Amino acid sequence: MSEHDYTAQRAETRAEYAELRDGPGLPEFADVDYFLIPDTKKDWAPLADALAKEGYDCEWVEDDEESDEPYLVATLYEQIISADGIWLGEEVATRIALEHGFQPDGWGLLGDEDDE
């Protein structure tokens, strides 16, 4: 297995953040979801436990209209939204996920429109 390219992942996060900031705009605070997919049929509970120790709330998604495969959503609530803030949470989630046989698969925001 090759080494994970954190530099490329960070650049992708910064680019997506800039696109959202310059397009529809971003809230000041939001819940940030990090999506993690298993390399194979892995037990997700040990990953969820490890992420929970770092402050993430985790949910296993078995059936989703947008994905053919199950995945884990790791959420950090009420985060200050910035490129660096999103990346810090993503980097921690990625490092833990890789240790448990999961790969990062992006992030998303859930914010309260009143916060904007």
N, C-alpha and C. Protein backbone atom coordinates (compact mmCIF):
# COMPACT_ATOMS: atom_id res chain seq x y z
N MET A 1 0.83 -1.17 0.00
CA MET A 1 0.00 0.00 0.00
C MET A 1 0.89 1.25 0.00
N SER A 2 0.57 2.20 -0.86
CA SER A 2 1.38 3.40 -0.95
C SER A 2 1.05 4.37 0.19
N GLU A 3 1.98 5.28 0.43
CA GLU A 3 1.79 6.27 1.47
C GLU A 3 0.73 7.28 1.06
N HIS A 4 -0.05 7.74 2.02
CA HIS A 4 -1.10 8.70 1.75
C HIS A 4 -0.49 10.07 1.44
N ASP A 5 -1.04 10.77 0.46
CA ASP A 5 -0.54 12.08 0.05
C ASP A 5 -1.33 13.18 0.77
N TYR A 6 -0.87 13.56 1.96
CA TYR A 6 -1.54 14.59 2.74
C TYR A 6 -1.45 15.95 2.08
N THR A 7 -0.35 16.21 1.36
CA THR A 7 -0.18 17.49 0.68
C THR A 7 -1.26 17.68 -0.37
N ALA A 8 -1.50 16.66 -1.17
CA ALA A 8 -2.54 16.73 -2.20
C ALA A 8 -3.93 16.84 -1.57
N GLN A 9 -4.16 16.10 -0.50
CA GLN A 9 -5.45 16.15 0.17
C GLN A 9 -5.71 17.55 0.74
N ARG A 10 -4.68 18.14 1.34
CA ARG A 10 -4.83 19.49 1.89
C ARG A 10 -5.10 20.51 0.78
N ALA A 11 -4.40 20.38 -0.33
CA ALA A 11 -4.61 21.29 -1.46
C ALA A 11 -6.03 21.17 -2.00
N GLU A 12 -6.56 19.96 -2.06
CA GLU A 12 -7.93 19.74 -2.52
C GLU A 12 -8.94 20.37 -1.56
N THR A 13 -8.68 20.25 -0.27
CA THR A 13 -9.56 20.86 0.74
C THR A 13 -9.54 22.38 0.61
N ARG A 14 -8.36 22.96 0.45
CA ARG A 14 -8.25 24.41 0.30
C ARG A 14 -8.97 24.89 -0.97
N ALA A 15 -8.84 24.14 -2.05
CA ALA A 15 -9.49 24.52 -3.30
C ALA A 15 -11.01 24.45 -3.16
N GLU A 16 -11.51 23.40 -2.54
CA GLU A 16 -12.96 23.27 -2.36
C GLU A 16 -13.47 24.36 -1.42
N TYR A 17 -12.74 24.65 -0.37
CA TYR A 17 -13.13 25.72 0.54
C TYR A 17 -13.21 27.06 -0.21
N ALA A 18 -12.20 27.36 -1.02
CA ALA A 18 -12.18 28.62 -1.78
C ALA A 18 -13.36 28.70 -2.74
N GLU A 19 -13.67 27.58 -3.38
CA GLU A 19 -14.80 27.54 -4.31
C GLU A 19 -16.12 27.83 -3.58
N LEU A 20 -16.30 27.23 -2.42
CA LEU A 20 -17.52 27.47 -1.64
C LEU A 20 -17.56 28.90 -1.11
N ARG A 21 -16.43 29.39 -0.64
CA ARG A 21 -16.36 30.75 -0.10
C ARG A 21 -16.69 31.78 -1.18
N ASP A 22 -16.14 31.57 -2.38
CA ASP A 22 -16.33 32.52 -3.47
C ASP A 22 -17.64 32.32 -4.21
N GLY A 23 -18.28 31.16 -4.02
CA GLY A 23 -19.55 30.88 -4.69
C GLY A 23 -20.72 31.18 -3.77
N PRO A 24 -21.35 30.13 -3.26
CA PRO A 24 -22.55 30.33 -2.44
C PRO A 24 -22.25 30.94 -1.08
N GLY A 25 -21.01 30.98 -0.68
CA GLY A 25 -20.66 31.52 0.63
C GLY A 25 -20.67 30.45 1.70
N LEU A 26 -20.10 30.79 2.83
CA LEU A 26 -19.98 29.84 3.93
C LEU A 26 -20.46 30.46 5.24
N PRO A 27 -21.02 29.65 6.12
CA PRO A 27 -21.40 30.16 7.44
C PRO A 27 -20.14 30.39 8.28
N GLU A 28 -20.28 31.17 9.33
CA GLU A 28 -19.16 31.40 10.25
C GLU A 28 -18.89 30.14 11.07
N PHE A 29 -19.98 29.46 11.47
CA PHE A 29 -19.89 28.21 12.23
C PHE A 29 -20.72 27.16 11.54
N ALA A 30 -20.29 25.90 11.61
CA ALA A 30 -21.07 24.81 11.03
C ALA A 30 -20.58 23.49 11.61
N ASP A 31 -21.41 22.47 11.46
CA ASP A 31 -20.98 21.10 11.75
C ASP A 31 -20.22 20.63 10.51
N VAL A 32 -19.07 20.01 10.72
CA VAL A 32 -18.26 19.52 9.61
C VAL A 32 -18.30 17.99 9.62
N ASP A 33 -18.77 17.42 8.51
CA ASP A 33 -18.81 15.96 8.34
C ASP A 33 -17.60 15.53 7.52
N TYR A 34 -16.92 14.49 7.98
CA TYR A 34 -15.81 13.88 7.24
C TYR A 34 -16.27 12.48 6.86
N PHE A 35 -16.14 12.15 5.58
CA PHE A 35 -16.63 10.87 5.07
C PHE A 35 -15.47 9.91 4.91
N LEU A 36 -15.64 8.70 5.45
CA LEU A 36 -14.57 7.70 5.47
C LEU A 36 -15.13 6.38 4.94
N ILE A 37 -14.41 5.80 3.98
CA ILE A 37 -14.88 4.56 3.37
C ILE A 37 -13.89 3.43 3.67
N PRO A 38 -14.42 2.23 3.90
CA PRO A 38 -13.54 1.10 4.21
C PRO A 38 -12.82 0.59 2.96
N ASP A 39 -11.55 0.15 3.16
CA ASP A 39 -10.80 -0.47 2.06
C ASP A 39 -11.47 -1.77 1.64
N THR A 40 -11.93 -2.51 2.62
CA THR A 40 -12.66 -3.76 2.41
C THR A 40 -13.79 -3.77 3.42
N LYS A 41 -14.43 -4.87 3.61
CA LYS A 41 -15.52 -4.95 4.60
C LYS A 41 -14.92 -4.94 6.00
N LYS A 42 -14.59 -3.77 6.47
CA LYS A 42 -13.98 -3.59 7.79
C LYS A 42 -15.05 -3.35 8.84
N ASP A 43 -14.70 -3.72 10.07
CA ASP A 43 -15.55 -3.40 11.21
C ASP A 43 -15.35 -1.92 11.51
N TRP A 44 -16.42 -1.15 11.46
CA TRP A 44 -16.31 0.29 11.64
C TRP A 44 -16.28 0.72 13.10
N ALA A 45 -16.72 -0.14 14.02
CA ALA A 45 -16.82 0.25 15.43
C ALA A 45 -15.47 0.67 16.04
N PRO A 46 -14.36 -0.03 15.78
CA PRO A 46 -13.09 0.43 16.36
C PRO A 46 -12.68 1.82 15.85
N LEU A 47 -12.95 2.11 14.58
CA LEU A 47 -12.66 3.44 14.05
C LEU A 47 -13.54 4.48 14.73
N ALA A 48 -14.82 4.20 14.86
CA ALA A 48 -15.74 5.14 15.52
C ALA A 48 -15.30 5.39 16.96
N ASP A 49 -14.85 4.37 17.67
CA ASP A 49 -14.39 4.54 19.05
C ASP A 49 -13.15 5.44 19.10
N ALA A 50 -12.20 5.21 18.19
CA ALA A 50 -10.98 6.02 18.16
C ALA A 50 -11.29 7.47 17.82
N LEU A 51 -12.19 7.69 16.88
CA LEU A 51 -12.56 9.06 16.51
C LEU A 51 -13.33 9.75 17.64
N ALA A 52 -14.18 9.00 18.33
CA ALA A 52 -14.94 9.57 19.45
C ALA A 52 -14.01 10.09 20.53
N LYS A 53 -12.89 9.41 20.75
CA LYS A 53 -11.91 9.86 21.74
C LYS A 53 -11.30 11.20 21.36
N GLU A 54 -11.36 11.55 20.08
CA GLU A 54 -10.84 12.83 19.58
C GLU A 54 -11.93 13.88 19.41
N GLY A 55 -13.17 13.55 19.83
CA GLY A 55 -14.24 14.52 19.81
C GLY A 55 -15.20 14.44 18.63
N TYR A 56 -15.06 13.43 17.79
CA TYR A 56 -15.95 13.26 16.64
C TYR A 56 -17.18 12.45 17.06
N ASP A 57 -18.31 12.78 16.50
CA ASP A 57 -19.52 11.98 16.65
C ASP A 57 -19.63 11.17 15.37
N CYS A 58 -19.79 9.86 15.48
CA CYS A 58 -19.74 8.99 14.30
C CYS A 58 -21.06 8.29 14.02
N GLU A 59 -21.33 8.13 12.75
CA GLU A 59 -22.52 7.40 12.30
C GLU A 59 -22.14 6.53 11.12
N TRP A 60 -22.54 5.26 11.18
CA TRP A 60 -22.32 4.31 10.08
C TRP A 60 -23.51 4.39 9.15
N VAL A 61 -23.26 4.60 7.88
CA VAL A 61 -24.33 4.71 6.89
C VAL A 61 -24.27 3.48 5.98
N GLU A 62 -25.28 2.61 6.11
CA GLU A 62 -25.36 1.39 5.33
C GLU A 62 -25.98 1.61 3.95
N ASP A 63 -27.05 2.40 3.94
CA ASP A 63 -27.84 2.55 2.73
C ASP A 63 -28.01 4.03 2.42
N ASP A 64 -27.50 4.44 1.27
CA ASP A 64 -27.54 5.85 0.88
C ASP A 64 -27.79 5.93 -0.62
N GLU A 65 -28.68 6.81 -1.03
CA GLU A 65 -28.99 6.96 -2.45
C GLU A 65 -27.79 7.39 -3.27
N GLU A 66 -26.85 8.13 -2.66
CA GLU A 66 -25.72 8.68 -3.39
C GLU A 66 -24.49 7.77 -3.40
N SER A 67 -24.49 6.71 -2.61
CA SER A 67 -23.32 5.84 -2.52
C SER A 67 -23.75 4.37 -2.58
N ASP A 68 -23.01 3.61 -3.34
CA ASP A 68 -23.29 2.17 -3.45
C ASP A 68 -22.71 1.40 -2.26
N GLU A 69 -21.74 1.98 -1.61
CA GLU A 69 -21.04 1.30 -0.52
C GLU A 69 -21.32 2.00 0.81
N PRO A 70 -21.30 1.25 1.91
CA PRO A 70 -21.47 1.87 3.22
C PRO A 70 -20.25 2.74 3.57
N TYR A 71 -20.44 3.70 4.47
CA TYR A 71 -19.35 4.58 4.87
C TYR A 71 -19.61 5.11 6.28
N LEU A 72 -18.56 5.67 6.85
CA LEU A 72 -18.65 6.26 8.18
C LEU A 72 -18.62 7.78 8.04
N VAL A 73 -19.52 8.46 8.76
CA VAL A 73 -19.52 9.92 8.83
C VAL A 73 -19.01 10.30 10.21
N ALA A 74 -17.91 11.07 10.25
CA ALA A 74 -17.35 11.57 11.50
C ALA A 74 -17.61 13.07 11.55
N THR A 75 -18.36 13.53 12.55
CA THR A 75 -18.79 14.92 12.61
C THR A 75 -18.16 15.65 13.78
N LEU A 76 -17.68 16.86 13.50
CA LEU A 76 -17.26 17.80 14.53
C LEU A 76 -18.31 18.91 14.54
N TYR A 77 -18.93 19.15 15.68
CA TYR A 77 -20.02 20.11 15.77
C TYR A 77 -19.51 21.52 16.03
N GLU A 78 -20.28 22.49 15.49
CA GLU A 78 -20.08 23.92 15.75
C GLU A 78 -18.62 24.36 15.61
N GLN A 79 -18.05 24.08 14.45
CA GLN A 79 -16.68 24.47 14.17
C GLN A 79 -16.64 25.85 13.52
N ILE A 80 -15.61 26.64 13.82
CA ILE A 80 -15.37 27.88 13.10
C ILE A 80 -14.91 27.46 11.71
N ILE A 81 -15.55 28.01 10.68
CA ILE A 81 -15.27 27.55 9.32
C ILE A 81 -14.17 28.39 8.68
N SER A 82 -13.07 27.70 8.39
CA SER A 82 -11.93 28.25 7.66
C SER A 82 -11.26 27.07 6.96
N ALA A 83 -10.44 27.36 5.97
CA ALA A 83 -9.74 26.28 5.27
C ALA A 83 -8.86 25.50 6.24
N ASP A 84 -8.14 26.22 7.11
CA ASP A 84 -7.26 25.53 8.06
C ASP A 84 -8.05 24.75 9.09
N GLY A 85 -9.18 25.30 9.55
CA GLY A 85 -10.00 24.60 10.52
C GLY A 85 -10.55 23.29 9.98
N ILE A 86 -11.05 23.35 8.75
CA ILE A 86 -11.57 22.13 8.12
C ILE A 86 -10.45 21.13 7.94
N TRP A 87 -9.29 21.62 7.49
CA TRP A 87 -8.16 20.72 7.25
C TRP A 87 -7.68 20.05 8.54
N LEU A 88 -7.60 20.78 9.63
CA LEU A 88 -7.13 20.17 10.88
C LEU A 88 -8.01 18.99 11.28
N GLY A 89 -9.33 19.18 11.21
CA GLY A 89 -10.23 18.07 11.52
C GLY A 89 -10.10 16.93 10.54
N GLU A 90 -9.91 17.28 9.28
CA GLU A 90 -9.77 16.26 8.24
C GLU A 90 -8.47 15.46 8.40
N GLU A 91 -7.40 16.14 8.73
CA GLU A 91 -6.12 15.46 8.89
C GLU A 91 -6.17 14.45 10.04
N VAL A 92 -6.73 14.86 11.18
CA VAL A 92 -6.84 13.95 12.32
C VAL A 92 -7.72 12.75 11.96
N ALA A 93 -8.88 13.02 11.34
CA ALA A 93 -9.77 11.92 10.95
C ALA A 93 -9.09 10.99 9.95
N THR A 94 -8.35 11.55 9.01
CA THR A 94 -7.66 10.74 8.01
C THR A 94 -6.61 9.85 8.63
N ARG A 95 -5.78 10.41 9.51
CA ARG A 95 -4.72 9.60 10.14
C ARG A 95 -5.33 8.42 10.92
N ILE A 96 -6.37 8.68 11.67
CA ILE A 96 -7.02 7.61 12.43
C ILE A 96 -7.68 6.62 11.49
N ALA A 97 -8.35 7.11 10.45
CA ALA A 97 -9.03 6.24 9.49
C ALA A 97 -8.04 5.29 8.81
N LEU A 98 -6.91 5.83 8.36
CA LEU A 98 -5.92 4.99 7.68
C LEU A 98 -5.40 3.87 8.58
N GLU A 99 -5.25 4.17 9.87
CA GLU A 99 -4.81 3.15 10.84
C GLU A 99 -5.82 2.03 10.98
N HIS A 100 -7.09 2.29 10.62
CA HIS A 100 -8.16 1.32 10.78
C HIS A 100 -8.66 0.75 9.45
N GLY A 101 -7.92 0.97 8.36
CA GLY A 101 -8.30 0.40 7.08
C GLY A 101 -9.39 1.16 6.35
N PHE A 102 -9.50 2.45 6.59
CA PHE A 102 -10.47 3.30 5.91
C PHE A 102 -9.74 4.41 5.15
N GLN A 103 -10.38 4.94 4.13
CA GLN A 103 -9.84 6.03 3.33
C GLN A 103 -10.72 7.26 3.45
N PRO A 104 -10.12 8.46 3.41
CA PRO A 104 -10.93 9.68 3.42
C PRO A 104 -11.67 9.82 2.09
N ASP A 105 -12.88 10.38 2.14
CA ASP A 105 -13.66 10.55 0.93
C ASP A 105 -14.38 11.91 0.94
N GLY A 106 -13.67 12.94 1.43
CA GLY A 106 -14.21 14.28 1.38
C GLY A 106 -14.87 14.73 2.67
N TRP A 107 -15.47 15.92 2.60
CA TRP A 107 -16.11 16.53 3.75
C TRP A 107 -17.29 17.36 3.28
N GLY A 108 -18.14 17.72 4.23
CA GLY A 108 -19.29 18.55 3.94
C GLY A 108 -19.65 19.36 5.17
N LEU A 109 -20.45 20.40 4.96
CA LEU A 109 -20.84 21.29 6.05
C LEU A 109 -22.33 21.26 6.27
N LEU A 110 -22.73 21.32 7.53
CA LEU A 110 -24.13 21.50 7.91
C LEU A 110 -24.17 22.70 8.84
N GLY A 111 -24.70 23.81 8.37
CA GLY A 111 -24.72 25.02 9.18
C GLY A 111 -26.10 25.58 9.35
N ASP A 112 -26.24 26.44 10.30
CA ASP A 112 -27.48 27.15 10.54
C ASP A 112 -27.42 28.45 9.73
N GLU A 113 -28.37 28.64 8.82
CA GLU A 113 -28.34 29.81 7.96
C GLU A 113 -28.40 31.10 8.74
N ASP A 114 -28.90 31.08 9.97
CA ASP A 114 -28.94 32.28 10.79
C ASP A 114 -27.55 32.71 11.23
N ASP A 115 -26.57 31.78 11.15
CA ASP A 115 -25.19 32.09 11.58
C ASP A 115 -24.45 32.92 10.55
N GLU A 116 -24.95 32.97 9.32
CA GLU A 116 -24.21 33.66 8.26
C GLU A 116 -24.24 35.15 8.44
